[in-house]
PDB file of all heavy atoms in Angstrom:
ATOM      1  N   GLY A   1      -3.431   6.146   2.292  1.00  0.00           N
ATOM      2  CA  GLY A   1      -2.870   6.634   3.541  1.00  0.00           C
ATOM      3  C   GLY A   1      -3.197   5.805   4.763  1.00  0.00           C
ATOM      4  O   GLY A   1      -2.602   6.008   5.826  1.00  0.00           O
ATOM      5  N   ARG A   2      -4.105   4.843   4.629  1.00  0.00           N
ATOM      6  CA  ARG A   2      -4.408   4.006   5.787  1.00  0.00           C
ATOM      7  C   ARG A   2      -4.937   2.649   5.343  1.00  0.00           C
ATOM      8  O   ARG A   2      -5.559   2.522   4.289  1.00  0.00           O
ATOM      9  CB  ARG A   2      -5.404   4.675   6.729  1.00  0.00           C
ATOM     10  CG  ARG A   2      -6.701   5.103   6.099  1.00  0.00           C
ATOM     11  CD  ARG A   2      -7.531   5.903   7.100  1.00  0.00           C
ATOM     12  NE  ARG A   2      -8.697   6.522   6.500  1.00  0.00           N
ATOM     13  CZ  ARG A   2      -9.886   5.940   6.384  1.00  0.00           C
ATOM     14  NH1 ARG A   2     -10.048   4.720   6.863  1.00  0.00           N
ATOM     15  NH2 ARG A   2     -10.892   6.572   5.815  1.00  0.00           N
ATOM     16  N   GLY A   3      -4.664   1.647   6.168  1.00  0.00           N
ATOM     17  CA  GLY A   3      -5.100   0.288   5.875  1.00  0.00           C
ATOM     18  C   GLY A   3      -4.009  -0.698   6.238  1.00  0.00           C
ATOM     19  O   GLY A   3      -2.823  -0.341   6.332  1.00  0.00           O
ATOM     20  N   PRO A   4      -4.369  -1.949   6.451  1.00  0.00           N
ATOM     21  CA  PRO A   4      -3.392  -2.952   6.902  1.00  0.00           C
ATOM     22  C   PRO A   4      -2.265  -3.208   5.915  1.00  0.00           C
ATOM     23  O   PRO A   4      -1.130  -3.482   6.337  1.00  0.00           O
ATOM     24  CB  PRO A   4      -4.237  -4.203   7.133  1.00  0.00           C
ATOM     25  CG  PRO A   4      -5.508  -3.972   6.377  1.00  0.00           C
ATOM     26  CD  PRO A   4      -5.734  -2.500   6.393  1.00  0.00           C
ATOM     27  N   ILE A   5      -2.532  -3.155   4.615  1.00  0.00           N
ATOM     28  CA  ILE A   5      -1.462  -3.383   3.643  1.00  0.00           C
ATOM     29  C   ILE A   5      -0.468  -2.225   3.675  1.00  0.00           C
ATOM     30  O   ILE A   5       0.756  -2.441   3.697  1.00  0.00           O
ATOM     31  CB  ILE A   5      -2.039  -3.584   2.227  1.00  0.00           C
ATOM     32  CG1 ILE A   5      -2.912  -4.841   2.175  1.00  0.00           C
ATOM     33  CG2 ILE A   5      -0.908  -3.681   1.195  1.00  0.00           C
ATOM     34  CD1 ILE A   5      -3.642  -5.032   0.869  1.00  0.00           C
ATOM     35  N   GLN A   6      -0.966  -1.019   3.712  1.00  0.00           N
ATOM     36  CA  GLN A   6      -0.067   0.139   3.774  1.00  0.00           C
ATOM     37  C   GLN A   6       0.701   0.176   5.096  1.00  0.00           C
ATOM     38  O   GLN A   6       1.877   0.541   5.128  1.00  0.00           O
ATOM     39  CB  GLN A   6      -0.857   1.425   3.567  1.00  0.00           C
ATOM     40  CG  GLN A   6      -1.386   1.551   2.136  1.00  0.00           C
ATOM     41  CD  GLN A   6      -2.378   2.675   1.984  1.00  0.00           C
ATOM     42  OE1 GLN A   6      -1.991   3.818   1.734  1.00  0.00           O
ATOM     43  NE2 GLN A   6      -3.654   2.367   2.140  1.00  0.00           N
ATOM     44  N   ASP A   7       0.051  -0.210   6.186  1.00  0.00           N
ATOM     45  CA  ASP A   7       0.756  -0.300   7.475  1.00  0.00           C
ATOM     46  C   ASP A   7       1.868  -1.339   7.407  1.00  0.00           C
ATOM     47  O   ASP A   7       2.970  -1.128   7.933  1.00  0.00           O
ATOM     48  CB  ASP A   7      -0.228  -0.671   8.589  1.00  0.00           C
ATOM     49  CG  ASP A   7      -1.207   0.447   8.911  1.00  0.00           C
ATOM     50  OD1 ASP A   7      -0.960   1.599   8.497  1.00  0.00           O
ATOM     51  OD2 ASP A   7      -2.225   0.161   9.574  1.00  0.00           O
ATOM     52  N   PHE A   8       1.575  -2.465   6.773  1.00  0.00           N
ATOM     53  CA  PHE A   8       2.572  -3.532   6.600  1.00  0.00           C
ATOM     54  C   PHE A   8       3.777  -3.011   5.824  1.00  0.00           C
ATOM     55  O   PHE A   8       4.932  -3.247   6.203  1.00  0.00           O
ATOM     56  CB  PHE A   8       1.926  -4.710   5.869  1.00  0.00           C
ATOM     57  CG  PHE A   8       2.902  -5.717   5.331  1.00  0.00           C
ATOM     58  CD1 PHE A   8       3.408  -6.717   6.153  1.00  0.00           C
ATOM     59  CD2 PHE A   8       3.305  -5.680   4.000  1.00  0.00           C
ATOM     60  CE1 PHE A   8       4.309  -7.656   5.653  1.00  0.00           C
ATOM     61  CE2 PHE A   8       4.195  -6.614   3.494  1.00  0.00           C
ATOM     62  CZ  PHE A   8       4.702  -7.606   4.330  1.00  0.00           C
ATOM     63  N   LEU A   9       3.530  -2.290   4.745  1.00  0.00           N
ATOM     64  CA  LEU A   9       4.618  -1.798   3.903  1.00  0.00           C
ATOM     65  C   LEU A   9       5.473  -0.774   4.633  1.00  0.00           C
ATOM     66  O   LEU A   9       6.708  -0.807   4.550  1.00  0.00           O
ATOM     67  CB  LEU A   9       4.041  -1.206   2.616  1.00  0.00           C
ATOM     68  CG  LEU A   9       3.347  -2.214   1.704  1.00  0.00           C
ATOM     69  CD1 LEU A   9       2.541  -1.495   0.632  1.00  0.00           C
ATOM     70  CD2 LEU A   9       4.359  -3.155   1.073  1.00  0.00           C
ATOM     71  N   ALA A  10       4.830   0.139   5.347  1.00  0.00           N
ATOM     72  CA  ALA A  10       5.580   1.133   6.112  1.00  0.00           C
ATOM     73  C   ALA A  10       6.452   0.450   7.160  1.00  0.00           C
ATOM     74  O   ALA A  10       7.628   0.817   7.356  1.00  0.00           O
ATOM     75  CB  ALA A  10       4.620   2.122   6.768  1.00  0.00           C
ATOM     76  N   ASP A  11       5.895  -0.546   7.827  1.00  0.00           N
ATOM     77  CA  ASP A  11       6.646  -1.274   8.845  1.00  0.00           C
ATOM     78  C   ASP A  11       7.825  -2.031   8.235  1.00  0.00           C
ATOM     79  O   ASP A  11       8.934  -2.034   8.794  1.00  0.00           O
ATOM     80  CB  ASP A  11       5.725  -2.244   9.573  1.00  0.00           C
ATOM     81  CG  ASP A  11       6.466  -3.101  10.594  1.00  0.00           C
ATOM     82  OD1 ASP A  11       6.915  -2.546  11.613  1.00  0.00           O
ATOM     83  OD2 ASP A  11       6.615  -4.315  10.356  1.00  0.00           O
ATOM     84  N   GLN A  12       7.606  -2.663   7.076  1.00  0.00           N
ATOM     85  CA  GLN A  12       8.670  -3.439   6.446  1.00  0.00           C
ATOM     86  C   GLN A  12       9.816  -2.552   5.958  1.00  0.00           C
ATOM     87  O   GLN A  12      10.987  -2.933   6.047  1.00  0.00           O
ATOM     88  CB  GLN A  12       8.107  -4.254   5.280  1.00  0.00           C
ATOM     89  CG  GLN A  12       7.245  -5.428   5.714  1.00  0.00           C
ATOM     90  CD  GLN A  12       8.025  -6.461   6.493  1.00  0.00           C
ATOM     91  OE1 GLN A  12       9.123  -6.843   6.108  1.00  0.00           O
ATOM     92  NE2 GLN A  12       7.463  -6.911   7.605  1.00  0.00           N
ATOM     93  N   SER A  13       9.494  -1.387   5.452  1.00  0.00           N
ATOM     94  CA  SER A  13      10.559  -0.491   4.993  1.00  0.00           C
ATOM     95  C   SER A  13      11.413  -0.030   6.172  1.00  0.00           C
ATOM     96  O   SER A  13      12.645   0.036   6.070  1.00  0.00           O
ATOM     97  CB  SER A  13       9.972   0.702   4.240  1.00  0.00           C
ATOM     98  OG  SER A  13       9.104   1.464   5.065  1.00  0.00           O
ATOM     99  N   LYS A  14      10.764   0.280   7.304  1.00  0.00           N
ATOM    100  CA  LYS A  14      11.513   0.678   8.505  1.00  0.00           C
ATOM    101  C   LYS A  14      12.289  -0.494   9.088  1.00  0.00           C
ATOM    102  O   LYS A  14      13.472  -0.363   9.437  1.00  0.00           O
ATOM    103  CB  LYS A  14      10.549   1.238   9.558  1.00  0.00           C
ATOM    104  CG  LYS A  14      10.006   2.615   9.252  1.00  0.00           C
ATOM    105  CD  LYS A  14       9.284   3.203  10.442  1.00  0.00           C
ATOM    106  CE  LYS A  14       8.027   2.434  10.789  1.00  0.00           C
ATOM    107  NZ  LYS A  14       7.264   3.084  11.892  1.00  0.00           N
ATOM    108  N   ARG A  15      11.624  -1.619   9.215  1.00  0.00           N
ATOM    109  CA  ARG A  15      12.232  -2.790   9.850  1.00  0.00           C
ATOM    110  C   ARG A  15      13.495  -3.244   9.109  1.00  0.00           C
ATOM    111  O   ARG A  15      14.470  -3.679   9.726  1.00  0.00           O
ATOM    112  CB  ARG A  15      11.201  -3.922   9.883  1.00  0.00           C
ATOM    113  CG  ARG A  15      11.649  -5.196  10.584  1.00  0.00           C
ATOM    114  CD  ARG A  15      10.586  -6.279  10.416  1.00  0.00           C
ATOM    115  NE  ARG A  15       9.311  -5.859  10.950  1.00  0.00           N
ATOM    116  CZ  ARG A  15       8.900  -6.066  12.201  1.00  0.00           C
ATOM    117  NH1 ARG A  15       9.697  -6.699  13.047  1.00  0.00           N
ATOM    118  NH2 ARG A  15       7.711  -5.658  12.600  1.00  0.00           N
ATOM    119  N   ASN A  16      13.456  -3.132   7.776  1.00  0.00           N
ATOM    120  CA  ASN A  16      14.571  -3.623   6.962  1.00  0.00           C
ATOM    121  C   ASN A  16      15.463  -2.504   6.418  1.00  0.00           C
ATOM    122  O   ASN A  16      16.384  -2.769   5.651  1.00  0.00           O
ATOM    123  CB  ASN A  16      14.022  -4.449   5.794  1.00  0.00           C
ATOM    124  CG  ASN A  16      13.323  -5.708   6.251  1.00  0.00           C
ATOM    125  OD1 ASN A  16      13.961  -6.611   6.785  1.00  0.00           O
ATOM    126  ND2 ASN A  16      12.011  -5.773   6.062  1.00  0.00           N
ATOM    127  N   HIS A  17      15.166  -1.258   6.807  1.00  0.00           N
ATOM    128  CA  HIS A  17      15.965  -0.101   6.378  1.00  0.00           C
ATOM    129  C   HIS A  17      16.077  -0.053   4.852  1.00  0.00           C
ATOM    130  O   HIS A  17      17.170   0.071   4.291  1.00  0.00           O
ATOM    131  CB  HIS A  17      17.355  -0.146   7.024  1.00  0.00           C
ATOM    132  CG  HIS A  17      17.330  -0.318   8.503  1.00  0.00           C
ATOM    133  ND1 HIS A  17      16.901   0.674   9.369  1.00  0.00           N
ATOM    134  CD2 HIS A  17      17.653  -1.375   9.290  1.00  0.00           C
ATOM    135  CE1 HIS A  17      16.974   0.251  10.615  1.00  0.00           C
ATOM    136  NE2 HIS A  17      17.415  -0.999  10.602  1.00  0.00           N
ATOM    137  N   LEU A  18      14.931  -0.142   4.192  1.00  0.00           N
ATOM    138  CA  LEU A  18      14.870  -0.218   2.734  1.00  0.00           C
ATOM    139  C   LEU A  18      14.073   0.929   2.132  1.00  0.00           C
ATOM    140  O   LEU A  18      13.075   1.388   2.705  1.00  0.00           O
ATOM    141  CB  LEU A  18      14.177  -1.519   2.305  1.00  0.00           C
ATOM    142  CG  LEU A  18      14.899  -2.841   2.480  1.00  0.00           C
ATOM    143  CD1 LEU A  18      13.920  -3.985   2.266  1.00  0.00           C
ATOM    144  CD2 LEU A  18      16.074  -2.953   1.516  1.00  0.00           C
ATOM    145  N   TRP A  19      14.511   1.360   0.969  1.00  0.00           N
ATOM    146  CA  TRP A  19      13.585   2.014   0.057  1.00  0.00           C
ATOM    147  C   TRP A  19      12.755   0.878  -0.549  1.00  0.00           C
ATOM    148  O   TRP A  19      13.305  -0.023  -1.185  1.00  0.00           O
ATOM    149  CB  TRP A  19      14.323   2.780  -1.034  1.00  0.00           C
ATOM    150  CG  TRP A  19      14.847   4.096  -0.573  1.00  0.00           C
ATOM    151  CD1 TRP A  19      16.054   4.334   0.024  1.00  0.00           C
ATOM    152  CD2 TRP A  19      14.171   5.356  -0.654  1.00  0.00           C
ATOM    153  NE1 TRP A  19      16.176   5.667   0.322  1.00  0.00           N
ATOM    154  CE2 TRP A  19      15.044   6.325  -0.087  1.00  0.00           C
ATOM    155  CE3 TRP A  19      12.934   5.768  -1.152  1.00  0.00           C
ATOM    156  CZ2 TRP A  19      14.700   7.668  -0.004  1.00  0.00           C
ATOM    157  CZ3 TRP A  19      12.592   7.102  -1.072  1.00  0.00           C
ATOM    158  CH2 TRP A  19      13.453   8.041  -0.506  1.00  0.00           C
ATOM    159  N   LEU A  20      11.455   0.913  -0.327  1.00  0.00           N
ATOM    160  CA  LEU A  20      10.585  -0.192  -0.720  1.00  0.00           C
ATOM    161  C   LEU A  20       9.547   0.279  -1.726  1.00  0.00           C
ATOM    162  O   LEU A  20       8.719   1.136  -1.421  1.00  0.00           O
ATOM    163  CB  LEU A  20       9.880  -0.776   0.511  1.00  0.00           C
ATOM    164  CG  LEU A  20       8.807  -1.839   0.263  1.00  0.00           C
ATOM    165  CD1 LEU A  20       9.378  -3.018  -0.516  1.00  0.00           C
ATOM    166  CD2 LEU A  20       8.204  -2.300   1.588  1.00  0.00           C
ATOM    167  N   MET A  21       9.626  -0.297  -2.931  1.00  0.00           N
ATOM    168  CA  MET A  21       8.603  -0.033  -3.932  1.00  0.00           C
ATOM    169  C   MET A  21       7.640  -1.204  -3.912  1.00  0.00           C
ATOM    170  O   MET A  21       8.013  -2.349  -4.196  1.00  0.00           O
ATOM    171  CB  MET A  21       9.212   0.158  -5.316  1.00  0.00           C
ATOM    172  CG  MET A  21       8.199   0.653  -6.334  1.00  0.00           C
ATOM    173  SD  MET A  21       8.956   1.242  -7.858  1.00  0.00           S
ATOM    174  CE  MET A  21       9.662   2.798  -7.318  1.00  0.00           C
ATOM    175  N   ALA A  22       6.403  -0.887  -3.569  1.00  0.00           N
ATOM    176  CA  ALA A  22       5.466  -1.925  -3.148  1.00  0.00           C
ATOM    177  C   ALA A  22       4.656  -2.479  -4.306  1.00  0.00           C
ATOM    178  O   ALA A  22       3.419  -2.431  -4.297  1.00  0.00           O
ATOM    179  CB  ALA A  22       4.548  -1.382  -2.065  1.00  0.00           C
ATOM    180  N   GLY A  23       5.346  -3.030  -5.303  1.00  0.00           N
ATOM    181  CA  GLY A  23       4.634  -3.741  -6.368  1.00  0.00           C
ATOM    182  C   GLY A  23       3.381  -2.989  -6.756  1.00  0.00           C
ATOM    183  O   GLY A  23       3.432  -1.804  -7.072  1.00  0.00           O
ATOM    184  N   THR A  24       2.233  -3.665  -6.709  1.00  0.00           N
ATOM    185  CA  THR A  24       0.956  -2.954  -6.781  1.00  0.00           C
ATOM    186  C   THR A  24      -0.049  -3.622  -5.859  1.00  0.00           C
ATOM    187  O   THR A  24       0.040  -4.810  -5.554  1.00  0.00           O
ATOM    188  CB  THR A  24       0.348  -2.928  -8.205  1.00  0.00           C
ATOM    189  OG1 THR A  24      -0.138  -4.225  -8.548  1.00  0.00           O
ATOM    190  CG2 THR A  24       1.338  -2.429  -9.232  1.00  0.00           C
ATOM    191  N   PHE A  25      -1.006  -2.808  -5.432  1.00  0.00           N
ATOM    192  CA  PHE A  25      -2.163  -3.285  -4.687  1.00  0.00           C
ATOM    193  C   PHE A  25      -3.287  -2.291  -4.947  1.00  0.00           C
ATOM    194  O   PHE A  25      -3.113  -1.307  -5.680  1.00  0.00           O
ATOM    195  CB  PHE A  25      -1.850  -3.432  -3.189  1.00  0.00           C
ATOM    196  CG  PHE A  25      -1.569  -2.143  -2.491  1.00  0.00           C
ATOM    197  CD1 PHE A  25      -2.534  -1.540  -1.697  1.00  0.00           C
ATOM    198  CD2 PHE A  25      -0.343  -1.514  -2.629  1.00  0.00           C
ATOM    199  CE1 PHE A  25      -2.273  -0.336  -1.051  1.00  0.00           C
ATOM    200  CE2 PHE A  25      -0.070  -0.325  -1.981  1.00  0.00           C
ATOM    201  CZ  PHE A  25      -1.043   0.267  -1.191  1.00  0.00           C
ATOM    202  N   SER A  26      -4.439  -2.530  -4.365  1.00  0.00           N
ATOM    203  CA  SER A  26      -5.636  -1.760  -4.707  1.00  0.00           C
ATOM    204  C   SER A  26      -5.861  -0.598  -3.749  1.00  0.00           C
ATOM    205  O   SER A  26      -5.879  -0.783  -2.531  1.00  0.00           O
ATOM    206  CB  SER A  26      -6.873  -2.666  -4.688  1.00  0.00           C
ATOM    207  OG  SER A  26      -6.715  -3.745  -5.574  1.00  0.00           O
ATOM    208  N   LEU A  27      -6.049   0.588  -4.335  1.00  0.00           N
ATOM    209  CA  LEU A  27      -6.529   1.728  -3.581  1.00  0.00           C
ATOM    210  C   LEU A  27      -7.915   2.102  -4.090  1.00  0.00           C
ATOM    211  O   LEU A  27      -8.183   2.074  -5.297  1.00  0.00           O
ATOM    212  CB  LEU A  27      -5.592   2.923  -3.726  1.00  0.00           C
ATOM    213  CG  LEU A  27      -4.254   2.848  -2.974  1.00  0.00           C
ATOM    214  CD1 LEU A  27      -3.471   4.147  -3.160  1.00  0.00           C
ATOM    215  CD2 LEU A  27      -4.457   2.556  -1.491  1.00  0.00           C
ATOM    216  N   GLN A  28      -8.793   2.429  -3.167  1.00  0.00           N
ATOM    217  CA  GLN A  28     -10.167   2.741  -3.518  1.00  0.00           C
ATOM    218  C   GLN A  28     -10.240   3.983  -4.405  1.00  0.00           C
ATOM    219  O   GLN A  28      -9.379   4.861  -4.339  1.00  0.00           O
ATOM    220  CB  GLN A  28     -11.003   2.951  -2.250  1.00  0.00           C
ATOM    221  CG  GLN A  28     -11.159   1.698  -1.407  1.00  0.00           C
ATOM    222  CD  GLN A  28     -11.908   1.952  -0.121  1.00  0.00           C
ATOM    223  OE1 GLN A  28     -12.520   3.004   0.067  1.00  0.00           O
ATOM    224  NE2 GLN A  28     -11.866   0.986   0.789  1.00  0.00           N
ATOM    225  N   SER A  29     -11.274   4.006  -5.231  1.00  0.00           N
ATOM    226  CA  SER A  29     -11.511   5.140  -6.124  1.00  0.00           C
ATOM    227  C   SER A  29     -12.887   5.714  -5.841  1.00  0.00           C
ATOM    228  O   SER A  29     -13.591   5.280  -4.920  1.00  0.00           O
ATOM    229  CB  SER A  29     -11.431   4.677  -7.586  1.00  0.00           C
ATOM    230  OG  SER A  29     -12.572   3.901  -7.926  1.00  0.00           O
ATOM    231  N   GLU A  30     -13.275   6.661  -6.661  1.00  0.00           N
ATOM    232  CA  GLU A  30     -14.612   7.246  -6.515  1.00  0.00           C
ATOM    233  C   GLU A  30     -15.690   6.301  -7.011  1.00  0.00           C
ATOM    234  O   GLU A  30     -16.885   6.541  -6.797  1.00  0.00           O
ATOM    235  CB  GLU A  30     -14.691   8.571  -7.278  1.00  0.00           C
ATOM    236  CG  GLU A  30     -14.502   8.471  -8.791  1.00  0.00           C
ATOM    237  CD  GLU A  30     -13.047   8.410  -9.229  1.00  0.00           C
ATOM    238  OE1 GLU A  30     -12.163   8.321  -8.350  1.00  0.00           O
ATOM    239  OE2 GLU A  30     -12.808   8.448 -10.456  1.00  0.00           O
ATOM    240  N   GLU A  31     -15.301   5.191  -7.666  1.00  0.00           N
ATOM    241  CA  GLU A  31     -16.250   4.197  -8.153  1.00  0.00           C
ATOM    242  C   GLU A  31     -16.212   2.965  -7.249  1.00  0.00           C
ATOM    243  O   GLU A  31     -15.139   2.411  -7.003  1.00  0.00           O
ATOM    244  CB  GLU A  31     -15.914   3.778  -9.582  1.00  0.00           C
ATOM    245  CG  GLU A  31     -15.995   4.905 -10.604  1.00  0.00           C
ATOM    246  CD  GLU A  31     -15.686   4.409 -12.005  1.00  0.00           C
ATOM    247  OE1 GLU A  31     -15.851   3.195 -12.255  1.00  0.00           O
ATOM    248  OE2 GLU A  31     -15.267   5.230 -12.838  1.00  0.00           O
ATOM    249  N   ALA A  32     -17.356   2.525  -6.793  1.00  0.00           N
ATOM    250  CA  ALA A  32     -17.411   1.371  -5.890  1.00  0.00           C
ATOM    251  C   ALA A  32     -16.977   0.089  -6.582  1.00  0.00           C
ATOM    252  O   ALA A  32     -16.462  -0.833  -5.932  1.00  0.00           O
ATOM    253  CB  ALA A  32     -18.814   1.215  -5.327  1.00  0.00           C
ATOM    254  N   SER A  33     -17.155   0.013  -7.894  1.00  0.00           N
ATOM    255  CA  SER A  33     -16.886  -1.232  -8.615  1.00  0.00           C
ATOM    256  C   SER A  33     -15.498  -1.292  -9.243  1.00  0.00           C
ATOM    257  O   SER A  33     -15.147  -2.286  -9.869  1.00  0.00           O
ATOM    258  CB  SER A  33     -17.937  -1.431  -9.717  1.00  0.00           C
ATOM    259  OG  SER A  33     -17.874  -0.364 -10.656  1.00  0.00           O
ATOM    260  N   ARG A  34     -14.695  -0.230  -9.078  1.00  0.00           N
ATOM    261  CA  ARG A  34     -13.351  -0.223  -9.646  1.00  0.00           C
ATOM    262  C   ARG A  34     -12.376   0.434  -8.670  1.00  0.00           C
ATOM    263  O   ARG A  34     -12.748   1.301  -7.888  1.00  0.00           O
ATOM    264  CB  ARG A  34     -13.302   0.511 -10.997  1.00  0.00           C
ATOM    265  CG  ARG A  34     -14.101  -0.177 -12.093  1.00  0.00           C
ATOM    266  CD  ARG A  34     -13.629   0.251 -13.477  1.00  0.00           C
ATOM    267  NE  ARG A  34     -13.863   1.672 -13.727  1.00  0.00           N
ATOM    268  CZ  ARG A  34     -13.390   2.322 -14.812  1.00  0.00           C
ATOM    269  NH1 ARG A  34     -12.682   1.662 -15.717  1.00  0.00           N
ATOM    270  NH2 ARG A  34     -13.652   3.600 -14.975  1.00  0.00           N
ATOM    271  N   VAL A  35     -11.118  -0.007  -8.752  1.00  0.00           N
ATOM    272  CA  VAL A  35     -10.069   0.510  -7.882  1.00  0.00           C
ATOM    273  C   VAL A  35      -8.902   0.998  -8.744  1.00  0.00           C
ATOM    274  O   VAL A  35      -8.885   0.817  -9.957  1.00  0.00           O
ATOM    275  CB  VAL A  35      -9.573  -0.579  -6.902  1.00  0.00           C
ATOM    276  CG1 VAL A  35     -10.647  -0.928  -5.901  1.00  0.00           C
ATOM    277  CG2 VAL A  35      -9.101  -1.826  -7.670  1.00  0.00           C
ATOM    278  N   HIS A  36      -7.926   1.611  -8.090  1.00  0.00           N
ATOM    279  CA  HIS A  36      -6.668   1.948  -8.745  1.00  0.00           C
ATOM    280  C   HIS A  36      -5.672   0.822  -8.495  1.00  0.00           C
ATOM    281  O   HIS A  36      -5.584   0.298  -7.380  1.00  0.00           O
ATOM    282  CB  HIS A  36      -6.102   3.255  -8.188  1.00  0.00           C
ATOM    283  CG  HIS A  36      -6.969   4.447  -8.429  1.00  0.00           C
ATOM    284  ND1 HIS A  36      -7.105   5.037  -9.660  1.00  0.00           N
ATOM    285  CD2 HIS A  36      -7.756   5.157  -7.575  1.00  0.00           C
ATOM    286  CE1 HIS A  36      -7.929   6.061  -9.574  1.00  0.00           C
ATOM    287  NE2 HIS A  36      -8.336   6.149  -8.318  1.00  0.00           N
ATOM    288  N   ASN A  37      -4.920   0.430  -9.523  1.00  0.00           N
ATOM    289  CA  ASN A  37      -3.829  -0.527  -9.368  1.00  0.00           C
ATOM    290  C   ASN A  37      -2.582   0.300  -9.107  1.00  0.00           C
ATOM    291  O   ASN A  37      -1.959   0.831 -10.030  1.00  0.00           O
ATOM    292  CB  ASN A  37      -3.693  -1.385 -10.626  1.00  0.00           C
ATOM    293  CG  ASN A  37      -2.746  -2.553 -10.429  1.00  0.00           C
ATOM    294  OD1 ASN A  37      -2.411  -2.913  -9.312  1.00  0.00           O
ATOM    295  ND2 ASN A  37      -2.307  -3.141 -11.533  1.00  0.00           N
TER     296      ASN A  37
END
C-alpha cells in the first residue's frame, strides 16, 4: 500500500489511462529475510 514503486505504478496507470498489471516486485513479509514476489 505504500512505497516508491507502488506510487510509480499508480501514477503510470493514471497517466496512461491503463489497466496496469505490474509484473512482480517485492512486498515485505513477516520474515525479515524473505519477501513476497
